[in-house]
């Protein structure tokens, strides 16, 4: 029995490449959210207070930069855009945080 017709009718969200794109975007957003929290841009979920940990934030930014280097040429245009936009926002937020008084 040929199951090729089943994969053609499968919803787009269930295609492996779409699932991987969604998972990649989720990973980038999680790393970005952690970095933003450590830059004091969003409150800590447990305390509700802003946290400022530049070294911790830099670690998350470095991890995203590593992903950018290691996945170069292997990402979809959508994945590339998500990663580039996240890094651009994080870098700007980091510079603002460094330049701001403690």
C-alpha atoms as a PDB file:
ATOM      1  CA  UNK A   1       0.000   0.000   0.000  1.00  0.00           C
ATOM      2  CA  UNK A   2       1.326   3.430  -0.957  1.00  0.00           C
ATOM      3  CA  UNK A   3       1.027   6.031   1.818  1.00  0.00           C
ATOM      4  CA  UNK A   4       2.396   8.934  -0.238  1.00  0.00           C
ATOM      5  CA  UNK A   5      -1.109  10.351  -0.653  1.00  0.00           C
ATOM      6  CA  UNK A   6      -1.419  10.590   3.142  1.00  0.00           C
ATOM      7  CA  UNK A   7       1.595  12.851   3.502  1.00  0.00           C
ATOM      8  CA  UNK A   8       0.291  15.133   0.755  1.00  0.00           C
ATOM      9  CA  UNK A   9      -2.956  15.631   2.676  1.00  0.00           C
ATOM     10  CA  UNK A  10      -1.292  16.131   6.046  1.00  0.00           C
ATOM     11  CA  UNK A  11      -1.793  19.601   7.506  1.00  0.00           C
ATOM     12  CA  UNK A  12       1.143  21.920   6.911  1.00  0.00           C
ATOM     13  CA  UNK A  13       1.735  22.240  10.662  1.00  0.00           C
ATOM     14  CA  UNK A  14       2.522  18.531  10.839  1.00  0.00           C
ATOM     15  CA  UNK A  15       5.254  18.551   8.200  1.00  0.00           C
ATOM     16  CA  UNK A  16       8.664  17.907   9.790  1.00  0.00           C
ATOM     17  CA  UNK A  17      10.181  21.084   8.350  1.00  0.00           C
ATOM     18  CA  UNK A  18       7.343  23.184   9.793  1.00  0.00           C
ATOM     19  CA  UNK A  19       7.649  21.512  13.179  1.00  0.00           C
ATOM     20  CA  UNK A  20      11.403  22.129  13.148  1.00  0.00           C
ATOM     21  CA  UNK A  21      10.895  25.784  12.207  1.00  0.00           C
ATOM     22  CA  UNK A  22       8.434  26.189  15.079  1.00  0.00           C
ATOM     23  CA  UNK A  23      10.824  24.489  17.511  1.00  0.00           C
ATOM     24  CA  UNK A  24      13.731  26.631  16.311  1.00  0.00           C
ATOM     25  CA  UNK A  25      11.660  29.795  16.747  1.00  0.00           C
ATOM     26  CA  UNK A  26      10.628  28.648  20.224  1.00  0.00           C
ATOM     27  CA  UNK A  27      14.273  28.047  21.184  1.00  0.00           C
ATOM     28  CA  UNK A  28      15.315  31.490  19.940  1.00  0.00           C
ATOM     29  CA  UNK A  29      12.410  33.132  21.780  1.00  0.00           C
ATOM     30  CA  UNK A  30      13.237  31.293  25.026  1.00  0.00           C
ATOM     31  CA  UNK A  31      16.879  32.361  24.865  1.00  0.00           C
ATOM     32  CA  UNK A  32      15.848  35.927  23.990  1.00  0.00           C
ATOM     33  CA  UNK A  33      13.332  36.080  26.832  1.00  0.00           C
ATOM     34  CA  UNK A  34      15.933  34.922  29.330  1.00  0.00           C
ATOM     35  CA  UNK A  35      18.440  37.492  28.089  1.00  0.00           C
ATOM     36  CA  UNK A  36      15.846  40.292  28.234  1.00  0.00           C
ATOM     37  CA  UNK A  37      14.898  39.285  31.772  1.00  0.00           C
ATOM     38  CA  UNK A  38      18.562  39.354  32.829  1.00  0.00           C
ATOM     39  CA  UNK A  39      18.914  42.785  31.237  1.00  0.00           C
ATOM     40  CA  UNK A  40      16.086  43.997  33.467  1.00  0.00           C
ATOM     41  CA  UNK A  41      13.749  44.530  30.510  1.00  0.00           C
ATOM     42  CA  UNK A  42      11.120  42.108  31.811  1.00  0.00           C
ATOM     43  CA  UNK A  43      10.402  41.207  35.447  1.00  0.00           C
ATOM     44  CA  UNK A  44      11.624  37.965  36.969  1.00  0.00           C
ATOM     45  CA  UNK A  45       8.639  35.576  36.982  1.00  0.00           C
ATOM     46  CA  UNK A  46       9.101  34.501  40.610  1.00  0.00           C
ATOM     47  CA  UNK A  47       9.745  37.882  42.212  1.00  0.00           C
ATOM     48  CA  UNK A  48       8.063  40.220  39.764  1.00  0.00           C
ATOM     49  CA  UNK A  49      11.104  42.468  40.128  1.00  0.00           C
ATOM     50  CA  UNK A  50      13.585  43.394  37.413  1.00  0.00           C
ATOM     51  CA  UNK A  51      16.924  41.586  37.497  1.00  0.00           C
ATOM     52  CA  UNK A  52      20.172  42.933  36.117  1.00  0.00           C
ATOM     53  CA  UNK A  53      22.809  40.312  35.391  1.00  0.00           C
ATOM     54  CA  UNK A  54      24.895  41.412  32.417  1.00  0.00           C
ATOM     55  CA  UNK A  55      27.118  38.328  32.468  1.00  0.00           C
ATOM     56  CA  UNK A  56      24.097  36.035  32.450  1.00  0.00           C
ATOM     57  CA  UNK A  57      22.462  37.995  29.650  1.00  0.00           C
ATOM     58  CA  UNK A  58      25.693  37.907  27.650  1.00  0.00           C
ATOM     59  CA  UNK A  59      25.754  34.111  27.948  1.00  0.00           C
ATOM     60  CA  UNK A  60      22.309  33.816  26.322  1.00  0.00           C
ATOM     61  CA  UNK A  61      23.292  36.281  23.597  1.00  0.00           C
ATOM     62  CA  UNK A  62      26.507  34.333  22.997  1.00  0.00           C
ATOM     63  CA  UNK A  63      24.500  31.118  22.658  1.00  0.00           C
ATOM     64  CA  UNK A  64      22.284  32.695  20.002  1.00  0.00           C
ATOM     65  CA  UNK A  65      25.358  34.027  18.190  1.00  0.00           C
ATOM     66  CA  UNK A  66      26.815  30.509  18.240  1.00  0.00           C
ATOM     67  CA  UNK A  67      23.573  29.186  16.731  1.00  0.00           C
ATOM     68  CA  UNK A  68      23.818  31.817  14.013  1.00  0.00           C
ATOM     69  CA  UNK A  69      27.363  30.729  13.123  1.00  0.00           C
ATOM     70  CA  UNK A  70      26.775  26.980  13.366  1.00  0.00           C
ATOM     71  CA  UNK A  71      23.527  27.011  11.356  1.00  0.00           C
ATOM     72  CA  UNK A  72      24.619  29.466   8.647  1.00  0.00           C
ATOM     73  CA  UNK A  73      23.293  28.295   5.291  1.00  0.00           C
ATOM     74  CA  UNK A  74      21.030  25.683   6.890  1.00  0.00           C
ATOM     75  CA  UNK A  75      18.123  27.852   8.027  1.00  0.00           C
ATOM     76  CA  UNK A  76      14.962  28.783   6.206  1.00  0.00           C
ATOM     77  CA  UNK A  77      14.487  32.473   5.422  1.00  0.00           C
ATOM     78  CA  UNK A  78      11.926  32.624   8.251  1.00  0.00           C
ATOM     79  CA  UNK A  79      14.343  31.051  10.749  1.00  0.00           C
ATOM     80  CA  UNK A  80      17.140  33.371   9.638  1.00  0.00           C
ATOM     81  CA  UNK A  81      14.893  36.411  10.086  1.00  0.00           C
ATOM     82  CA  UNK A  82      13.786  35.314  13.569  1.00  0.00           C
ATOM     83  CA  UNK A  83      17.366  34.782  14.694  1.00  0.00           C
ATOM     84  CA  UNK A  84      18.715  38.008  13.167  1.00  0.00           C
ATOM     85  CA  UNK A  85      15.869  40.114  14.588  1.00  0.00           C
ATOM     86  CA  UNK A  86      16.281  38.594  18.037  1.00  0.00           C
ATOM     87  CA  UNK A  87      20.026  39.192  18.039  1.00  0.00           C
ATOM     88  CA  UNK A  88      19.608  42.762  16.831  1.00  0.00           C
ATOM     89  CA  UNK A  89      17.094  43.519  19.606  1.00  0.00           C
ATOM     90  CA  UNK A  90      19.235  41.846  22.256  1.00  0.00           C
ATOM     91  CA  UNK A  91      22.405  43.634  21.218  1.00  0.00           C
ATOM     92  CA  UNK A  92      20.639  46.983  21.339  1.00  0.00           C
ATOM     93  CA  UNK A  93      19.110  46.190  24.737  1.00  0.00           C
ATOM     94  CA  UNK A  94      22.515  45.082  26.038  1.00  0.00           C
ATOM     95  CA  UNK A  95      24.197  48.320  24.954  1.00  0.00           C
ATOM     96  CA  UNK A  96      21.369  50.357  26.511  1.00  0.00           C
ATOM     97  CA  UNK A  97      21.752  48.419  29.750  1.00  0.00           C
ATOM     98  CA  UNK A  98      25.536  48.854  29.843  1.00  0.00           C
ATOM     99  CA  UNK A  99      25.196  52.598  29.198  1.00  0.00           C
ATOM    100  CA  UNK A 100      22.449  53.042  31.820  1.00  0.00           C
ATOM    101  CA  UNK A 101      23.290  53.763  35.458  1.00  0.00           C
ATOM    102  CA  UNK A 102      22.961  50.743  37.789  1.00  0.00           C
END
